[in-house]
Amino acid sequence: MVAVKGQVEELLELLTRAKQWRDVLTLKSFELAAMYARAGARDGVAYAASVARISLNCDVAEAEAKRWIALGEAMLSALPESE
């Protein structure tokens, strides 16, 4: 595909927006991983089992799944408590 004159800025803008959405989705993934681990713990599921399920379902290494949970926990801890 050859960019036509004038498309360069439009393509850069689309790329920038796509990156911003990717960043938002990445942060949401961390938050959801932590929420999943918390929910599992409430249901008596071991942390290791939650890590393994996230790893398997999201196609990431277990170390990466642990990082997702840890980052999500940090994000959730920074939020004010809901009433």
PDB file of N, CA and C in Angstrom:
ATOM      1  N   MET A   1       0.852  -1.175   0.000  1.00  0.00           N
ATOM      2  CA  MET A   1       0.000   0.000   0.000  1.00  0.00           C
ATOM      3  C   MET A   1       0.895   1.235   0.000  1.00  0.00           C
ATOM      4  N   VAL A   2       0.620   2.132  -0.877  1.00  0.00           N
ATOM      5  CA  VAL A   2       1.399   3.354  -0.993  1.00  0.00           C
ATOM      6  C   VAL A   2       0.569   4.510  -0.462  1.00  0.00           C
ATOM      7  N   ALA A   3       1.141   5.248   0.459  1.00  0.00           N
ATOM      8  CA  ALA A   3       0.434   6.389   1.028  1.00  0.00           C
ATOM      9  C   ALA A   3       0.363   7.511  -0.001  1.00  0.00           C
ATOM     10  N   VAL A   4      -0.812   8.062  -0.151  1.00  0.00           N
ATOM     11  CA  VAL A   4      -1.011   9.181  -1.051  1.00  0.00           C
ATOM     12  C   VAL A   4      -0.662  10.445  -0.286  1.00  0.00           C
ATOM     13  N   LYS A   5      -0.131  11.439  -1.021  1.00  0.00           N
ATOM     14  CA  LYS A   5       0.231  12.700  -0.372  1.00  0.00           C
ATOM     15  C   LYS A   5      -0.959  13.213   0.447  1.00  0.00           C
ATOM     16  N   GLY A   6      -0.697  13.607   1.661  1.00  0.00           N
ATOM     17  CA  GLY A   6      -1.745  14.086   2.550  1.00  0.00           C
ATOM     18  C   GLY A   6      -2.229  13.008   3.512  1.00  0.00           C
ATOM     19  N   GLN A   7      -1.981  11.764   3.172  1.00  0.00           N
ATOM     20  CA  GLN A   7      -2.409  10.673   4.058  1.00  0.00           C
ATOM     21  C   GLN A   7      -1.436  10.451   5.204  1.00  0.00           C
ATOM     22  N   VAL A   8      -0.249  10.923   5.074  1.00  0.00           N
ATOM     23  CA  VAL A   8       0.779  10.654   6.076  1.00  0.00           C
ATOM     24  C   VAL A   8       0.337  11.121   7.456  1.00  0.00           C
ATOM     25  N   GLU A   9      -0.155  12.356   7.552  1.00  0.00           N
ATOM     26  CA  GLU A   9      -0.588  12.879   8.853  1.00  0.00           C
ATOM     27  C   GLU A   9      -1.806  12.132   9.373  1.00  0.00           C
ATOM     28  N   GLU A  10      -2.719  11.786   8.468  1.00  0.00           N
ATOM     29  CA  GLU A  10      -3.899  11.041   8.871  1.00  0.00           C
ATOM     30  C   GLU A  10      -3.507   9.660   9.406  1.00  0.00           C
ATOM     31  N   LEU A  11      -2.575   9.003   8.736  1.00  0.00           N
ATOM     32  CA  LEU A  11      -2.114   7.695   9.184  1.00  0.00           C
ATOM     33  C   LEU A  11      -1.392   7.780  10.519  1.00  0.00           C
ATOM     34  N   LEU A  12      -0.606   8.836  10.712  1.00  0.00           N
ATOM     35  CA  LEU A  12       0.076   9.029  11.986  1.00  0.00           C
ATOM     36  C   LEU A  12      -0.939   9.254  13.103  1.00  0.00           C
ATOM     37  N   GLU A  13      -1.982  10.011  12.827  1.00  0.00           N
ATOM     38  CA  GLU A  13      -3.033  10.250  13.815  1.00  0.00           C
ATOM     39  C   GLU A  13      -3.739   8.943  14.168  1.00  0.00           C
ATOM     40  N   LEU A  14      -4.049   8.122  13.181  1.00  0.00           N
ATOM     41  CA  LEU A  14      -4.684   6.823  13.435  1.00  0.00           C
ATOM     42  C   LEU A  14      -3.778   5.926  14.264  1.00  0.00           C
ATOM     43  N   LEU A  15      -2.503   5.935  13.960  1.00  0.00           N
ATOM     44  CA  LEU A  15      -1.542   5.139  14.716  1.00  0.00           C
ATOM     45  C   LEU A  15      -1.475   5.614  16.164  1.00  0.00           C
ATOM     46  N   THR A  16      -1.471   6.914  16.358  1.00  0.00           N
ATOM     47  CA  THR A  16      -1.421   7.486  17.703  1.00  0.00           C
ATOM     48  C   THR A  16      -2.660   7.075  18.498  1.00  0.00           C
ATOM     49  N   ARG A  17      -3.834   7.155  17.877  1.00  0.00           N
ATOM     50  CA  ARG A  17      -5.063   6.760  18.566  1.00  0.00           C
ATOM     51  C   ARG A  17      -5.067   5.270  18.873  1.00  0.00           C
ATOM     52  N   ALA A  18      -4.579   4.468  17.941  1.00  0.00           N
ATOM     53  CA  ALA A  18      -4.520   3.017  18.168  1.00  0.00           C
ATOM     54  C   ALA A  18      -3.610   2.701  19.358  1.00  0.00           C
ATOM     55  N   LYS A  19      -2.490   3.401  19.464  1.00  0.00           N
ATOM     56  CA  LYS A  19      -1.567   3.198  20.583  1.00  0.00           C
ATOM     57  C   LYS A  19      -2.228   3.592  21.897  1.00  0.00           C
ATOM     58  N   GLN A  20      -2.975   4.698  21.889  1.00  0.00           N
ATOM     59  CA  GLN A  20      -3.657   5.128  23.105  1.00  0.00           C
ATOM     60  C   GLN A  20      -4.686   4.095  23.545  1.00  0.00           C
ATOM     61  N   TRP A  21      -5.440   3.532  22.598  1.00  0.00           N
ATOM     62  CA  TRP A  21      -6.421   2.503  22.926  1.00  0.00           C
ATOM     63  C   TRP A  21      -5.738   1.248  23.437  1.00  0.00           C
ATOM     64  N   ARG A  22      -4.592   0.904  22.821  1.00  0.00           N
ATOM     65  CA  ARG A  22      -3.850  -0.267  23.292  1.00  0.00           C
ATOM     66  C   ARG A  22      -3.416  -0.066  24.739  1.00  0.00           C
ATOM     67  N   ASP A  23      -2.944   1.130  25.066  1.00  0.00           N
ATOM     68  CA  ASP A  23      -2.519   1.422  26.439  1.00  0.00           C
ATOM     69  C   ASP A  23      -3.681   1.306  27.420  1.00  0.00           C
ATOM     70  N   VAL A  24      -4.842   1.837  27.036  1.00  0.00           N
ATOM     71  CA  VAL A  24      -6.023   1.753  27.894  1.00  0.00           C
ATOM     72  C   VAL A  24      -6.423   0.293  28.099  1.00  0.00           C
ATOM     73  N   LEU A  25      -6.425  -0.485  27.027  1.00  0.00           N
ATOM     74  CA  LEU A  25      -6.788  -1.898  27.135  1.00  0.00           C
ATOM     75  C   LEU A  25      -5.773  -2.679  27.970  1.00  0.00           C
ATOM     76  N   THR A  26      -4.511  -2.315  27.868  1.00  0.00           N
ATOM     77  CA  THR A  26      -3.486  -2.973  28.675  1.00  0.00           C
ATOM     78  C   THR A  26      -3.736  -2.712  30.155  1.00  0.00           C
ATOM     79  N   LEU A  27      -4.005  -1.469  30.500  1.00  0.00           N
ATOM     80  CA  LEU A  27      -4.286  -1.137  31.898  1.00  0.00           C
ATOM     81  C   LEU A  27      -5.545  -1.848  32.378  1.00  0.00           C
ATOM     82  N   LYS A  28      -6.555  -1.932  31.524  1.00  0.00           N
ATOM     83  CA  LYS A  28      -7.784  -2.635  31.901  1.00  0.00           C
ATOM     84  C   LYS A  28      -7.495  -4.120  32.114  1.00  0.00           C
ATOM     85  N   SER A  29      -6.589  -4.702  31.314  1.00  0.00           N
ATOM     86  CA  SER A  29      -6.213  -6.104  31.482  1.00  0.00           C
ATOM     87  C   SER A  29      -5.600  -6.335  32.859  1.00  0.00           C
ATOM     88  N   PHE A  30      -4.744  -5.427  33.299  1.00  0.00           N
ATOM     89  CA  PHE A  30      -4.127  -5.548  34.623  1.00  0.00           C
ATOM     90  C   PHE A  30      -5.200  -5.532  35.709  1.00  0.00           C
ATOM     91  N   GLU A  31      -6.109  -4.573  35.580  1.00  0.00           N
ATOM     92  CA  GLU A  31      -7.174  -4.426  36.569  1.00  0.00           C
ATOM     93  C   GLU A  31      -8.050  -5.686  36.602  1.00  0.00           C
ATOM     94  N   LEU A  32      -8.418  -6.190  35.441  1.00  0.00           N
ATOM     95  CA  LEU A  32      -9.254  -7.389  35.378  1.00  0.00           C
ATOM     96  C   LEU A  32      -8.536  -8.614  35.929  1.00  0.00           C
ATOM     97  N   ALA A  33      -7.239  -8.712  35.687  1.00  0.00           N
ATOM     98  CA  ALA A  33      -6.466  -9.842  36.227  1.00  0.00           C
ATOM     99  C   ALA A  33      -6.495  -9.827  37.754  1.00  0.00           C
ATOM    100  N   ALA A  34      -6.334  -8.654  38.339  1.00  0.00           N
ATOM    101  CA  ALA A  34      -6.370  -8.540  39.792  1.00  0.00           C
ATOM    102  C   ALA A  34      -7.764  -8.855  40.329  1.00  0.00           C
ATOM    103  N   MET A  35      -8.782  -8.372  39.646  1.00  0.00           N
ATOM    104  CA  MET A  35     -10.152  -8.640  40.071  1.00  0.00           C
ATOM    105  C   MET A  35     -10.446 -10.138  39.970  1.00  0.00           C
ATOM    106  N   TYR A  36      -9.953 -10.788  38.931  1.00  0.00           N
ATOM    107  CA  TYR A  36     -10.145 -12.228  38.761  1.00  0.00           C
ATOM    108  C   TYR A  36      -9.472 -12.991  39.903  1.00  0.00           C
ATOM    109  N   ALA A  37      -8.238 -12.614  40.222  1.00  0.00           N
ATOM    110  CA  ALA A  37      -7.516 -13.282  41.313  1.00  0.00           C
ATOM    111  C   ALA A  37      -8.229 -13.061  42.642  1.00  0.00           C
ATOM    112  N   ARG A  38      -8.734 -11.854  42.872  1.00  0.00           N
ATOM    113  CA  ARG A  38      -9.472 -11.571  44.111  1.00  0.00           C
ATOM    114  C   ARG A  38     -10.745 -12.413  44.188  1.00  0.00           C
ATOM    115  N   ALA A  39     -11.474 -12.472  43.076  1.00  0.00           N
ATOM    116  CA  ALA A  39     -12.713 -13.245  43.046  1.00  0.00           C
ATOM    117  C   ALA A  39     -12.409 -14.728  43.275  1.00  0.00           C
ATOM    118  N   GLY A  40     -11.332 -15.200  42.671  1.00  0.00           N
ATOM    119  CA  GLY A  40     -10.939 -16.590  42.869  1.00  0.00           C
ATOM    120  C   GLY A  40     -10.613 -16.870  44.325  1.00  0.00           C
ATOM    121  N   ALA A  41      -9.912 -15.953  44.957  1.00  0.00           N
ATOM    122  CA  ALA A  41      -9.546 -16.118  46.368  1.00  0.00           C
ATOM    123  C   ALA A  41     -10.801 -16.176  47.247  1.00  0.00           C
ATOM    124  N   ARG A  42     -11.783 -15.336  46.930  1.00  0.00           N
ATOM    125  CA  ARG A  42     -13.042 -15.362  47.696  1.00  0.00           C
ATOM    126  C   ARG A  42     -13.758 -16.694  47.526  1.00  0.00           C
ATOM    127  N   ASP A  43     -13.599 -17.307  46.349  1.00  0.00           N
ATOM    128  CA  ASP A  43     -14.250 -18.598  46.076  1.00  0.00           C
ATOM    129  C   ASP A  43     -13.385 -19.783  46.481  1.00  0.00           C
ATOM    130  N   GLY A  44     -12.252 -19.511  47.131  1.00  0.00           N
ATOM    131  CA  GLY A  44     -11.384 -20.582  47.601  1.00  0.00           C
ATOM    132  C   GLY A  44     -10.407 -21.115  46.563  1.00  0.00           C
ATOM    133  N   VAL A  45     -10.250 -20.392  45.466  1.00  0.00           N
ATOM    134  CA  VAL A  45      -9.304 -20.808  44.419  1.00  0.00           C
ATOM    135  C   VAL A  45      -7.919 -20.288  44.778  1.00  0.00           C
ATOM    136  N   ALA A  46      -6.931 -21.150  44.714  1.00  0.00           N
ATOM    137  CA  ALA A  46      -5.558 -20.757  45.042  1.00  0.00           C
ATOM    138  C   ALA A  46      -5.030 -19.735  44.036  1.00  0.00           C
ATOM    139  N   TYR A  47      -4.168 -18.852  44.530  1.00  0.00           N
ATOM    140  CA  TYR A  47      -3.534 -17.834  43.685  1.00  0.00           C
ATOM    141  C   TYR A  47      -2.853 -18.485  42.485  1.00  0.00           C
ATOM    142  N   ALA A  48      -2.148 -19.582  42.711  1.00  0.00           N
ATOM    143  CA  ALA A  48      -1.433 -20.258  41.624  1.00  0.00           C
ATOM    144  C   ALA A  48      -2.391 -20.731  40.534  1.00  0.00           C
ATOM    145  N   ALA A  49      -3.575 -21.161  40.925  1.00  0.00           N
ATOM    146  CA  ALA A  49      -4.570 -21.595  39.943  1.00  0.00           C
ATOM    147  C   ALA A  49      -5.063 -20.414  39.118  1.00  0.00           C
ATOM    148  N   SER A  50      -5.253 -19.276  39.760  1.00  0.00           N
ATOM    149  CA  SER A  50      -5.666 -18.079  39.027  1.00  0.00           C
ATOM    150  C   SER A  50      -4.586 -17.655  38.040  1.00  0.00           C
ATOM    151  N   VAL A  51      -3.341 -17.695  38.480  1.00  0.00           N
ATOM    152  CA  VAL A  51      -2.219 -17.344  37.601  1.00  0.00           C
ATOM    153  C   VAL A  51      -2.181 -18.283  36.400  1.00  0.00           C
ATOM    154  N   ALA A  52      -2.335 -19.574  36.668  1.00  0.00           N
ATOM    155  CA  ALA A  52      -2.289 -20.566  35.590  1.00  0.00           C
ATOM    156  C   ALA A  52      -3.422 -20.358  34.591  1.00  0.00           C
ATOM    157  N   ARG A  53      -4.621 -20.062  35.073  1.00  0.00           N
ATOM    158  CA  ARG A  53      -5.765 -19.852  34.172  1.00  0.00           C
ATOM    159  C   ARG A  53      -5.577 -18.604  33.340  1.00  0.00           C
ATOM    160  N   ILE A  54      -5.084 -17.513  33.950  1.00  0.00           N
ATOM    161  CA  ILE A  54      -4.825 -16.286  33.187  1.00  0.00           C
ATOM    162  C   ILE A  54      -3.761 -16.566  32.131  1.00  0.00           C
ATOM    163  N   SER A  55      -2.719 -17.253  32.530  1.00  0.00           N
ATOM    164  CA  SER A  55      -1.633 -17.592  31.613  1.00  0.00           C
ATOM    165  C   SER A  55      -2.158 -18.383  30.412  1.00  0.00           C
ATOM    166  N   LEU A  56      -2.937 -19.393  30.681  1.00  0.00           N
ATOM    167  CA  LEU A  56      -3.468 -20.246  29.624  1.00  0.00           C
ATOM    168  C   LEU A  56      -4.452 -19.506  28.723  1.00  0.00           C
ATOM    169  N   ASN A  57      -5.416 -18.844  29.326  1.00  0.00           N
ATOM    170  CA  ASN A  57      -6.465 -18.180  28.543  1.00  0.00           C
ATOM    171  C   ASN A  57      -5.987 -16.957  27.784  1.00  0.00           C
ATOM    172  N   CYS A  58      -4.977 -16.268  28.316  1.00  0.00           N
ATOM    173  CA  CYS A  58      -4.487 -15.047  27.668  1.00  0.00           C
ATOM    174  C   CYS A  58      -3.198 -15.275  26.885  1.00  0.00           C
ATOM    175  N   ASP A  59      -2.733 -16.521  26.870  1.00  0.00           N
ATOM    176  CA  ASP A  59      -1.539 -16.893  26.114  1.00  0.00           C
ATOM    177  C   ASP A  59      -0.323 -16.053  26.519  1.00  0.00           C
ATOM    178  N   VAL A  60      -0.096 -15.976  27.828  1.00  0.00           N
ATOM    179  CA  VAL A  60       1.078 -15.287  28.368  1.00  0.00           C
ATOM    180  C   VAL A  60       1.768 -16.232  29.356  1.00  0.00           C
ATOM    181  N   ALA A  61       3.036 -15.985  29.595  1.00  0.00           N
ATOM    182  CA  ALA A  61       3.775 -16.784  30.575  1.00  0.00           C
ATOM    183  C   ALA A  61       3.197 -16.532  31.972  1.00  0.00           C
ATOM    184  N   GLU A  62       3.389 -17.494  32.856  1.00  0.00           N
ATOM    185  CA  GLU A  62       2.879 -17.328  34.223  1.00  0.00           C
ATOM    186  C   GLU A  62       3.513 -16.129  34.910  1.00  0.00           C
ATOM    187  N   ALA A  63       4.784 -15.860  34.624  1.00  0.00           N
ATOM    188  CA  ALA A  63       5.439 -14.690  35.215  1.00  0.00           C
ATOM    189  C   ALA A  63       4.741 -13.406  34.761  1.00  0.00           C
ATOM    190  N   GLU A  64       4.323 -13.375  33.501  1.00  0.00           N
ATOM    191  CA  GLU A  64       3.606 -12.206  32.982  1.00  0.00           C
ATOM    192  C   GLU A  64       2.229 -12.092  33.649  1.00  0.00           C
ATOM    193  N   ALA A  65       1.554 -13.207  33.828  1.00  0.00           N
ATOM    194  CA  ALA A  65       0.250 -13.192  34.504  1.00  0.00           C
ATOM    195  C   ALA A  65       0.394 -12.659  35.926  1.00  0.00           C
ATOM    196  N   LYS A  66       1.449 -13.054  36.610  1.00  0.00           N
ATOM    197  CA  LYS A  66       1.701 -12.545  37.965  1.00  0.00           C
ATOM    198  C   LYS A  66       1.930 -11.039  37.944  1.00  0.00           C
ATOM    199  N   ARG A  67       2.657 -10.557  36.935  1.00  0.00           N
ATOM    200  CA  ARG A  67       2.881  -9.107  36.812  1.00  0.00           C
ATOM    201  C   ARG A  67       1.557  -8.386  36.575  1.00  0.00           C
ATOM    202  N   TRP A  68       0.714  -8.959  35.730  1.00  0.00           N
ATOM    203  CA  TRP A  68      -0.603  -8.351  35.476  1.00  0.00           C
ATOM    204  C   TRP A  68      -1.376  -8.213  36.780  1.00  0.00           C
ATOM    205  N   ILE A  69      -1.394  -9.276  37.565  1.00  0.00           N
ATOM    206  CA  ILE A  69      -2.131  -9.246  38.829  1.00  0.00           C
ATOM    207  C   ILE A  69      -1.528  -8.202  39.771  1.00  0.00           C
ATOM    208  N   ALA A  70      -0.205  -8.192  39.885  1.00  0.00           N
ATOM    209  CA  ALA A  70       0.460  -7.238  40.786  1.00  0.00           C
ATOM    210  C   ALA A  70       0.200  -5.797  40.358  1.00  0.00           C
ATOM    211  N   LEU A  71       0.297  -5.526  39.066  1.00  0.00           N
ATOM    212  CA  LEU A  71       0.033  -4.163  38.588  1.00  0.00           C
ATOM    213  C   LEU A  71      -1.433  -3.798  38.792  1.00  0.00           C
ATOM    214  N   GLY A  72      -2.313  -4.743  38.541  1.00  0.00           N
ATOM    215  CA  GLY A  72      -3.734  -4.491  38.770  1.00  0.00           C
ATOM    216  C   GLY A  72      -4.039  -4.234  40.229  1.00  0.00           C
ATOM    217  N   GLU A  73      -3.404  -4.996  41.107  1.00  0.00           N
ATOM    218  CA  GLU A  73      -3.587  -4.773  42.544  1.00  0.00           C
ATOM    219  C   GLU A  73      -3.139  -3.367  42.929  1.00  0.00           C
ATOM    220  N   ALA A  74      -2.009  -2.941  42.381  1.00  0.00           N
ATOM    221  CA  ALA A  74      -1.517  -1.591  42.670  1.00  0.00           C
ATOM    222  C   ALA A  74      -2.508  -0.542  42.180  1.00  0.00           C
ATOM    223  N   MET A  75      -3.064  -0.771  41.004  1.00  0.00           N
ATOM    224  CA  MET A  75      -4.048   0.175  40.459  1.00  0.00           C
ATOM    225  C   MET A  75      -5.305   0.202  41.318  1.00  0.00           C
ATOM    226  N   LEU A  76      -5.800  -0.978  41.685  1.00  0.00           N
ATOM    227  CA  LEU A  76      -7.024  -1.047  42.482  1.00  0.00           C
ATOM    228  C   LEU A  76      -6.816  -0.472  43.882  1.00  0.00           C
ATOM    229  N   SER A  77      -5.635  -0.658  44.432  1.00  0.00           N
ATOM    230  CA  SER A  77      -5.334  -0.124  45.765  1.00  0.00           C
ATOM    231  C   SER A  77      -5.277   1.389  45.765  1.00  0.00           C
ATOM    232  N   ALA A  78      -4.965   1.961  44.621  1.00  0.00           N
ATOM    233  CA  ALA A  78      -4.870   3.419  44.522  1.00  0.00           C
ATOM    234  C   ALA A  78      -6.244   4.077  44.413  1.00  0.00           C
ATOM    235  N   LEU A  79      -7.260   3.285  44.092  1.00  0.00           N
ATOM    236  CA  LEU A  79      -8.619   3.836  43.966  1.00  0.00           C
ATOM    237  C   LEU A  79      -9.230   4.060  45.333  1.00  0.00           C
ATOM    238  N   PRO A  80     -10.036   5.115  45.480  1.00  0.00           N
ATOM    239  CA  PRO A  80     -10.728   5.311  46.763  1.00  0.00           C
ATOM    240  C   PRO A  80     -11.742   4.192  46.975  1.00  0.00           C
ATOM    241  N   GLU A  81     -11.968   3.845  48.206  1.00  0.00           N
ATOM    242  CA  GLU A  81     -12.942   2.792  48.556  1.00  0.00           C
ATOM    243  C   GLU A  81     -14.333   3.254  48.153  1.00  0.00           C
ATOM    244  N   SER A  82     -15.097   2.341  47.556  1.00  0.00           N
ATOM    245  CA  SER A  82     -16.489   2.671  47.216  1.00  0.00           C
ATOM    246  C   SER A  82     -17.356   2.508  48.450  1.00  0.00           C
ATOM    247  N   GLU A  83     -18.380   3.324  48.530  1.00  0.00           N
ATOM    248  CA  GLU A  83     -19.251   3.312  49.716  1.00  0.00           C
ATOM    249  C   GLU A  83     -20.384   2.365  49.543  1.00  0.00           C
TER     250      GLU A  83
END
